[in-house]
Amino acid sequence: MITDNQTNKIYFSPALERDCPRLWASIYQALTDRKIRHGLLMKEPMYFWCRDYMPIQIAEDNFVAYHFRPDYLLKEKDKYEYALKCDGYEICKAMNYPMTEMDLVLDGGNVVKCGDTIVMTDKVFLENPDKSRLEVERILHEKLQSDILFLPWDTQDYCGHSDGMVHFAGEGRILISSYYYDFYPYFAKEIEKILKKKFDVIRLKSNIKLKNRNNWAYINFLQTEKLIMVPQLDIEEEDALAIEQISKVFPNVEVIGIPALEAVNDDGALNCVSWNIKDNGTLPHELAEIISPIKQLIKEFQELMNGDIMKPIRQFVEDTTLYPSPDEIGKAKHAVDSILRHAERVLSPSFIPESSRRLALSDGSVIEITIDNANKWINAAGILSVFLDRLRQF
């Protein structure tokens, strides 16, 4: 079972920047500064809660897809028709990750992977009325290759997600949100009793007199092998307390805060808006097979441009573990397309030879395109533009 502490790449919906700009800017900066691989999901899934529809990674070569048809979206089907079209299987398949399918209705937010056990709420039985409880349990156990520990559904949470209740802490430990102790102590004791059958339970605590009903969000942090990002609610004392406690549980991992109210006010947090996986860095065949012949072209292109825009791309084709960030790919793509358009203008019948043939790029470098070398620029830029489009998808 691939758990959060083993993951090294994070994907997000393209909708996150649009709908939660402050949140996205903070996440993007944190990941870029630390050179943690991240990217956007393909096929424009414009429902930013990507955790819920993306497949569950069981092993490096096994992603399990399921039916994403949550009742809370079906109740307003016309409003959320675009969200119900999100197909994790097709998205994952297009990204060339190996897939299996599971014939169950499920939300990814109701799957908390804890070593050899998965913790989920019993809402999964209500979401699959055509199957008996035993049949649902059998399918889950068989497809997810894990024991399943069921928690009672907190009906105050219409989603019924376990990732707003608990988080795996490694070494047989599990974190439980302070929210239930603060507001529903009897329910908290019930949950704790069930969890103690399998785990050592660590309670996130809140020592603030004025309790905040959004404090459930702290448990919904985003964890990778090198970084933990904890939702921040713009409540200085409580935000700091959450980071302090989580840092003690994970002393060997950097823990930072990310302003998350844009998502929290819409009933989700950082785990909800992300899909983190373990990726061994093996490139899809269709991408790998074009890198070898393009290496020399990229080297020449960078030298001709006499700037730094293509440097991350050149480093990548020399060592594919040095994956460029989406921003670096985007800048290279913009430069290449600008060169292609400018070279085409130079060769157009309406081009006046005395007019400017010099093109300034965003890194300050300047190239000169003439009638004599325009075709060379067009051929090279055309090939690189296609390559960068493919690279951006992975």
Protein backbone atom coordinates (compact mmCIF):
# COMPACT_ATOMS: atom_id res chain seq x y z
CA MET A 1 0.00 0.00 0.00
CA ILE A 2 1.37 3.40 -1.03
CA THR A 3 0.79 5.79 1.88
CA ASP A 4 1.11 9.58 1.87
CA ASN A 5 4.58 9.58 3.41
CA GLN A 6 5.86 7.68 0.34
CA THR A 7 4.45 10.03 -2.29
CA ASN A 8 6.66 12.33 -4.35
CA LYS A 9 4.40 13.93 -6.95
CA ILE A 10 1.20 15.94 -6.60
CA TYR A 11 -1.48 16.73 -9.16
CA PHE A 12 -4.19 19.38 -9.02
CA SER A 13 -7.24 20.28 -11.07
CA PRO A 14 -6.78 23.24 -13.44
CA ALA A 15 -9.84 24.72 -11.68
CA LEU A 16 -7.97 25.27 -8.41
CA GLU A 17 -6.15 28.40 -9.60
CA ARG A 18 -9.42 29.83 -10.89
CA ASP A 19 -11.54 29.09 -7.82
CA CYS A 20 -8.95 29.36 -5.01
CA PRO A 21 -6.26 31.76 -6.28
CA ARG A 22 -4.68 32.53 -2.88
CA LEU A 23 -4.55 28.86 -1.95
CA TRP A 24 -3.10 27.85 -5.32
CA ALA A 25 -0.46 30.59 -5.25
CA SER A 26 0.74 29.45 -1.81
CA ILE A 27 0.83 25.77 -2.75
CA TYR A 28 2.56 26.47 -6.05
CA GLN A 29 5.23 28.62 -4.41
CA ALA A 30 5.88 26.07 -1.65
CA LEU A 31 6.27 23.18 -4.08
CA THR A 32 8.32 25.14 -6.61
CA ASP A 33 10.72 26.46 -3.96
CA ARG A 34 11.34 22.91 -2.73
CA LYS A 35 11.48 21.38 -6.22
CA ILE A 36 8.68 18.94 -5.38
CA ARG A 37 7.20 17.55 -8.57
CA HIS A 38 3.68 18.76 -9.28
CA GLY A 39 1.41 19.23 -12.24
CA LEU A 40 -2.14 19.67 -13.51
CA LEU A 41 -4.48 16.86 -14.40
CA MET A 42 -5.22 16.30 -18.07
CA LYS A 43 -8.55 16.56 -19.88
CA GLU A 44 -9.57 19.76 -18.08
CA PRO A 45 -11.37 18.33 -15.01
CA MET A 46 -12.89 21.59 -13.80
CA TYR A 47 -14.09 20.27 -10.43
CA PHE A 48 -11.24 21.16 -8.11
CA TRP A 49 -11.93 18.49 -5.47
CA CYS A 50 -9.78 16.05 -7.43
CA ARG A 51 -9.17 13.69 -4.49
CA ASP A 52 -12.74 12.47 -4.81
CA TYR A 53 -12.66 11.24 -8.41
CA MET A 54 -9.02 10.26 -8.93
CA PRO A 55 -7.98 6.58 -8.58
CA ILE A 56 -6.48 5.06 -5.43
CA GLN A 57 -2.82 4.09 -5.73
CA ILE A 58 -2.18 0.67 -4.22
CA ALA A 59 1.30 0.09 -5.66
CA GLU A 60 3.58 1.91 -8.07
CA ASP A 61 2.01 -0.11 -10.89
CA ASN A 62 -1.57 -0.32 -9.64
CA PHE A 63 -4.17 2.46 -9.56
CA VAL A 64 -7.74 1.49 -8.71
CA ALA A 65 -10.60 3.46 -10.26
CA TYR A 66 -14.20 3.49 -9.02
CA HIS A 67 -17.56 5.09 -9.87
CA PHE A 68 -17.72 8.75 -8.88
CA ARG A 69 -21.44 9.38 -8.38
CA PRO A 70 -21.79 10.98 -4.92
CA ASP A 71 -25.31 11.51 -3.66
CA TYR A 72 -24.57 15.09 -2.62
CA LEU A 73 -23.88 15.97 -6.27
CA LEU A 74 -26.68 13.85 -7.72
CA LYS A 75 -29.18 15.77 -5.58
CA GLU A 76 -28.31 18.85 -7.64
CA LYS A 77 -27.45 17.09 -10.85
CA ASP A 78 -28.13 20.04 -13.15
CA LYS A 79 -25.88 22.31 -11.10
CA TYR A 80 -23.04 19.78 -10.83
CA GLU A 81 -23.29 18.07 -14.20
CA TYR A 82 -19.75 19.22 -15.05
CA ALA A 83 -18.40 17.66 -11.84
CA LEU A 84 -20.12 14.33 -12.46
CA LYS A 85 -18.33 14.15 -15.81
CA CYS A 86 -14.95 13.94 -14.07
CA ASP A 87 -13.69 10.48 -14.93
CA GLY A 88 -10.62 9.49 -12.91
CA TYR A 89 -10.17 6.33 -14.95
CA GLU A 90 -9.91 8.21 -18.25
CA ILE A 91 -7.69 10.93 -16.77
CA CYS A 92 -5.32 8.38 -15.25
CA LYS A 93 -5.33 6.25 -18.41
CA ALA A 94 -4.41 9.27 -20.52
CA MET A 95 -1.46 9.84 -18.19
CA ASN A 96 -0.33 6.25 -18.82
CA TYR A 97 -0.68 5.02 -15.25
CA PRO A 98 -1.61 1.30 -15.01
CA MET A 99 -5.26 0.91 -14.07
CA THR A 100 -7.73 -1.56 -12.62
CA GLU A 101 -11.42 -0.90 -12.05
CA MET A 102 -13.62 -1.44 -9.00
CA ASP A 103 -17.39 -1.80 -9.40
CA LEU A 104 -18.33 0.42 -6.46
CA VAL A 105 -19.56 3.97 -5.97
CA LEU A 106 -16.96 5.69 -3.82
CA ASP A 107 -15.29 9.03 -3.07
CA GLY A 108 -11.50 9.17 -2.79
CA GLY A 109 -11.94 11.42 0.25
CA ASN A 110 -13.42 8.43 2.05
CA VAL A 111 -10.19 6.46 1.71
CA VAL A 112 -7.44 7.02 4.29
CA LYS A 113 -4.58 4.60 3.64
CA CYS A 114 -2.91 3.43 6.85
CA GLY A 115 -0.30 0.80 6.03
CA ASP A 116 -2.14 -2.51 5.61
CA THR A 117 -5.49 -0.96 6.53
CA ILE A 118 -7.84 1.54 4.91
CA VAL A 119 -10.08 3.66 7.12
CA MET A 120 -13.40 4.76 5.64
CA THR A 121 -16.87 5.63 6.87
CA ASP A 122 -19.78 3.25 6.54
CA LYS A 123 -21.50 5.66 4.15
CA VAL A 124 -20.02 3.48 1.41
CA PHE A 125 -22.75 0.90 2.09
CA LEU A 126 -25.51 3.47 1.54
CA GLU A 127 -23.88 4.54 -1.72
CA ASN A 128 -24.06 0.99 -3.09
CA PRO A 129 -27.66 -0.10 -2.35
CA ASP A 130 -27.56 -2.73 -5.09
CA LYS A 131 -24.97 -4.73 -3.12
CA SER A 132 -25.05 -6.37 0.28
CA ARG A 133 -22.69 -5.23 3.00
CA LEU A 134 -20.71 -8.47 2.63
CA GLU A 135 -20.39 -7.93 -1.13
CA VAL A 136 -19.14 -4.35 -0.67
CA GLU A 137 -16.60 -5.51 1.91
CA ARG A 138 -15.44 -8.31 -0.36
CA ILE A 139 -14.90 -5.99 -3.33
CA LEU A 140 -13.06 -3.44 -1.23
CA HIS A 141 -10.78 -6.02 0.32
CA GLU A 142 -10.08 -7.72 -3.01
CA LYS A 143 -9.47 -4.61 -5.10
CA LEU A 144 -7.68 -2.46 -2.52
CA GLN A 145 -5.68 -5.40 -1.14
CA SER A 146 -6.14 -4.17 2.42
CA ASP A 147 -8.11 -4.66 5.58
CA ILE A 148 -10.93 -2.14 5.91
CA LEU A 149 -11.79 -0.40 9.18
CA PHE A 150 -15.19 1.28 9.10
CA LEU A 151 -16.06 4.35 11.14
CA PRO A 152 -19.62 5.53 11.67
CA TRP A 153 -20.70 8.24 9.26
CA ASP A 154 -20.87 11.67 10.84
CA THR A 155 -24.09 12.79 9.16
CA GLN A 156 -23.20 16.44 9.88
CA ASP A 157 -20.68 15.92 7.07
CA TYR A 158 -22.83 15.36 4.00
CA CYS A 159 -19.82 13.95 2.09
CA GLY A 160 -19.16 11.20 4.63
CA HIS A 161 -15.39 11.40 4.14
CA SER A 162 -12.89 9.85 6.51
CA ASP A 163 -10.11 12.28 5.47
CA GLY A 164 -11.83 14.96 7.53
CA MET A 165 -11.69 12.71 10.59
CA VAL A 166 -8.32 10.97 10.70
CA HIS A 167 -4.84 10.92 9.16
CA PHE A 168 -2.30 8.10 9.23
CA ALA A 169 0.75 8.95 11.33
CA GLY A 170 2.89 5.90 10.53
CA GLU A 171 4.25 3.19 12.81
CA GLY A 172 0.82 1.95 13.81
CA ARG A 173 -0.38 5.44 14.83
CA ILE A 174 -3.34 7.49 13.67
CA LEU A 175 -4.26 11.14 14.23
CA ILE A 176 -7.84 12.06 15.05
CA SER A 177 -9.31 15.53 14.62
CA SER A 178 -9.93 17.71 17.65
CA TYR A 179 -13.24 18.75 16.08
CA TYR A 180 -15.17 15.78 17.45
CA TYR A 181 -13.76 16.16 20.96
CA ASP A 182 -14.66 19.86 20.89
CA PHE A 183 -18.20 19.57 19.56
CA TYR A 184 -19.33 15.91 19.66
CA PRO A 185 -17.44 14.22 22.54
CA TYR A 186 -19.64 11.10 22.60
CA PHE A 187 -19.06 10.57 18.89
CA ALA A 188 -15.33 11.16 19.41
CA LYS A 189 -15.21 8.40 22.02
CA GLU A 190 -17.03 6.03 19.67
CA ILE A 191 -14.55 6.71 16.88
CA GLU A 192 -11.58 6.40 19.22
CA LYS A 193 -12.81 3.05 20.52
CA ILE A 194 -12.97 1.64 16.99
CA LEU A 195 -9.58 3.03 15.98
CA LYS A 196 -7.87 1.63 19.07
CA LYS A 197 -8.62 -1.87 17.81
CA LYS A 198 -5.94 -1.30 15.19
CA PHE A 199 -3.94 1.84 16.03
CA ASP A 200 -2.36 3.94 18.72
CA VAL A 201 -4.59 7.01 18.66
CA ILE A 202 -3.13 10.53 18.80
CA ARG A 203 -5.61 13.31 19.37
CA LEU A 204 -5.07 16.72 17.83
CA LYS A 205 -5.92 19.16 20.61
CA SER A 206 -7.36 22.63 20.68
CA ASN A 207 -6.63 24.70 23.76
CA ILE A 208 -8.44 27.79 22.65
CA LYS A 209 -11.46 28.82 24.71
CA LEU A 210 -13.44 29.96 21.69
CA LYS A 211 -13.68 26.80 19.59
CA ASN A 212 -13.77 27.16 15.82
CA ARG A 213 -16.03 24.81 13.89
CA ASN A 214 -13.60 24.86 10.98
CA ASN A 215 -10.86 23.22 13.04
CA TRP A 216 -11.72 19.86 11.43
CA ALA A 217 -9.65 21.14 8.49
CA TYR A 218 -6.32 20.72 10.27
CA ILE A 219 -6.55 16.93 9.95
CA ASN A 220 -7.02 17.33 6.19
CA PHE A 221 -3.38 18.23 5.59
CA LEU A 222 -1.46 17.30 2.45
CA GLN A 223 1.49 14.99 3.09
CA THR A 224 4.36 13.87 0.87
CA GLU A 225 7.65 12.18 1.67
CA LYS A 226 9.44 15.53 2.15
CA LEU A 227 6.76 18.06 3.03
CA ILE A 228 3.52 18.42 5.00
CA MET A 229 1.24 21.36 4.23
CA VAL A 230 -1.24 22.15 7.00
CA PRO A 231 -4.40 24.19 6.31
CA GLN A 232 -4.37 27.59 7.98
CA LEU A 233 -7.62 29.27 9.01
CA ASP A 234 -6.25 32.78 9.63
CA ILE A 235 -6.56 32.18 13.38
CA GLU A 236 -3.03 32.84 14.59
CA GLU A 237 -3.00 30.87 17.85
CA GLU A 238 -4.90 27.84 16.61
CA ASP A 239 -3.02 27.72 13.30
CA ALA A 240 0.28 27.71 15.17
CA LEU A 241 -0.94 25.01 17.55
CA ALA A 242 -1.89 22.72 14.67
CA ILE A 243 1.53 23.07 13.05
CA GLU A 244 3.26 22.52 16.39
CA GLN A 245 1.40 19.28 17.10
CA ILE A 246 1.75 17.85 13.59
CA SER A 247 5.47 18.72 13.60
CA LYS A 248 5.91 16.65 16.78
CA VAL A 249 4.17 13.67 15.19
CA PHE A 250 6.35 13.95 12.04
CA PRO A 251 9.71 15.24 13.38
CA ASN A 252 11.67 14.29 10.25
CA VAL A 253 9.46 16.10 7.75
CA GLU A 254 9.18 19.82 7.06
CA VAL A 255 5.76 21.12 8.15
CA ILE A 256 4.43 24.43 6.84
CA GLY A 257 1.13 26.29 6.86
CA ILE A 258 -0.92 27.10 3.77
CA PRO A 259 -3.80 29.65 3.87
CA ALA A 260 -6.79 27.46 3.04
CA LEU A 261 -9.98 29.35 3.84
CA GLU A 262 -11.01 29.50 0.18
CA ALA A 263 -11.35 25.71 0.22
CA VAL A 264 -12.44 25.34 3.85
CA ASN A 265 -15.36 27.71 3.34
CA ASP A 266 -16.48 25.35 0.58
CA ASP A 267 -16.22 22.33 2.93
CA GLY A 268 -12.81 20.95 1.97
CA ALA A 269 -9.10 21.45 2.59
CA LEU A 270 -5.66 20.47 1.26
CA ASN A 271 -6.02 16.71 0.97
CA CYS A 272 -9.32 17.27 -0.82
CA VAL A 273 -7.86 19.51 -3.55
CA SER A 274 -4.87 17.29 -4.36
CA TRP A 275 -3.93 13.86 -5.72
CA ASN A 276 -0.52 12.76 -4.44
CA ILE A 277 1.15 9.62 -5.74
CA LYS A 278 4.45 7.77 -5.76
CA ASP A 279 5.94 8.09 -9.21
CA ASN A 280 9.22 6.32 -9.95
CA GLY A 281 9.97 8.84 -12.67
CA THR A 282 9.67 6.40 -15.56
CA LEU A 283 8.51 8.37 -18.56
CA PRO A 284 5.60 7.18 -20.68
CA HIS A 285 6.86 5.32 -23.75
CA GLU A 286 5.53 7.89 -26.20
CA LEU A 287 7.46 10.66 -24.42
CA ALA A 288 10.62 8.69 -23.75
CA GLU A 289 11.02 7.64 -27.38
CA ILE A 290 11.18 11.25 -28.66
CA ILE A 291 13.63 12.56 -26.05
CA SER A 292 16.72 10.92 -27.53
CA PRO A 293 16.47 12.47 -31.02
CA ILE A 294 15.48 15.85 -29.60
CA LYS A 295 18.41 16.28 -27.19
CA GLN A 296 20.76 17.87 -29.72
CA LEU A 297 18.02 20.10 -31.07
CA ILE A 298 17.26 21.47 -27.58
CA LYS A 299 20.96 22.05 -26.95
CA GLU A 300 21.31 24.00 -30.20
CA PHE A 301 18.09 25.89 -29.57
CA GLN A 302 19.24 27.04 -26.13
CA GLU A 303 22.61 28.16 -27.50
CA LEU A 304 20.94 30.11 -30.30
CA MET A 305 18.57 31.80 -27.83
CA ASN A 306 21.53 32.68 -25.57
CA GLY A 307 19.29 32.75 -22.49
CA ASP A 308 17.99 30.69 -19.59
CA ILE A 309 14.41 29.92 -20.65
CA MET A 310 15.31 26.55 -22.18
CA LYS A 311 17.81 25.59 -19.47
CA PRO A 312 15.36 23.52 -17.33
CA ILE A 313 14.17 21.69 -20.45
CA ARG A 314 17.74 20.91 -21.51
CA GLN A 315 18.54 19.65 -17.99
CA PHE A 316 15.49 17.38 -18.13
CA VAL A 317 16.35 15.71 -21.43
CA GLU A 318 19.85 15.06 -20.07
CA ASP A 319 18.53 13.71 -16.73
CA THR A 320 14.81 12.87 -16.64
CA THR A 321 14.73 12.92 -12.83
CA LEU A 322 15.16 16.73 -13.02
CA TYR A 323 11.55 17.33 -14.00
CA PRO A 324 10.81 20.96 -14.88
CA SER A 325 7.99 22.75 -13.07
CA PRO A 326 4.76 23.65 -14.91
CA ASP A 327 5.88 27.29 -14.82
CA GLU A 328 9.24 26.45 -16.44
CA ILE A 329 7.53 24.40 -19.14
CA GLY A 330 5.01 27.20 -19.71
CA LYS A 331 7.73 29.84 -20.12
CA ALA A 332 9.63 27.65 -22.58
CA LYS A 333 6.45 26.94 -24.53
CA HIS A 334 5.59 30.66 -24.71
CA ALA A 335 9.09 31.50 -25.96
CA VAL A 336 9.11 28.73 -28.57
CA ASP A 337 5.68 29.71 -29.89
CA SER A 338 6.73 33.39 -30.04
CA ILE A 339 9.79 32.43 -32.10
CA LEU A 340 7.66 30.28 -34.41
CA ARG A 341 5.19 33.11 -35.07
CA HIS A 342 7.97 35.67 -35.59
CA ALA A 343 9.84 33.42 -38.04
CA GLU A 344 6.66 32.86 -40.01
CA ARG A 345 6.15 36.63 -40.24
CA VAL A 346 9.69 37.08 -41.56
CA LEU A 347 8.89 34.71 -44.43
CA SER A 348 5.49 36.22 -45.19
CA PRO A 349 5.13 38.23 -48.45
CA SER A 350 4.09 41.32 -46.47
CA PHE A 351 7.30 41.35 -44.41
CA ILE A 352 9.37 44.49 -44.97
CA PRO A 353 13.11 43.63 -44.81
CA GLU A 354 13.93 46.92 -43.15
CA SER A 355 11.48 46.26 -40.29
CA SER A 356 12.66 44.75 -37.02
CA ARG A 357 13.85 41.18 -37.19
CA ARG A 358 14.87 41.10 -33.54
CA LEU A 359 12.68 39.34 -30.99
CA ALA A 360 13.09 40.00 -27.26
CA LEU A 361 12.19 37.11 -24.93
CA SER A 362 11.04 37.24 -21.31
CA ASP A 363 14.47 36.36 -19.89
CA GLY A 364 16.03 39.37 -21.59
CA SER A 365 17.66 37.46 -24.42
CA VAL A 366 17.25 38.74 -27.97
CA ILE A 367 17.32 36.68 -31.14
CA GLU A 368 17.51 37.85 -34.72
CA ILE A 369 15.55 36.01 -37.39
CA THR A 370 16.35 36.67 -41.04
CA ILE A 371 15.03 35.34 -44.32
CA ASP A 372 18.12 33.11 -44.47
CA ASN A 373 17.60 31.41 -41.08
CA ALA A 374 13.81 31.65 -40.66
CA ASN A 375 13.14 28.14 -41.96
CA LYS A 376 15.60 26.69 -39.45
CA TRP A 377 13.81 28.49 -36.61
CA ILE A 378 10.40 27.34 -37.86
CA ASN A 379 11.41 23.69 -38.09
CA ALA A 380 13.07 23.66 -34.67
CA ALA A 381 10.33 25.64 -32.93
CA GLY A 382 7.60 23.48 -34.44
CA ILE A 383 9.18 20.28 -33.14
CA LEU A 384 9.85 21.76 -29.69
CA SER A 385 6.34 23.17 -29.39
CA VAL A 386 4.83 19.71 -29.84
CA PHE A 387 7.34 18.22 -27.39
CA LEU A 388 6.56 20.82 -24.73
CA ASP A 389 2.84 20.23 -25.14
CA ARG A 390 3.39 16.54 -24.41
CA LEU A 391 5.78 17.27 -21.55
CA ARG A 392 3.25 19.58 -19.90
CA GLN A 393 0.76 16.71 -19.73
CA PHE A 394 3.09 14.54 -17.64
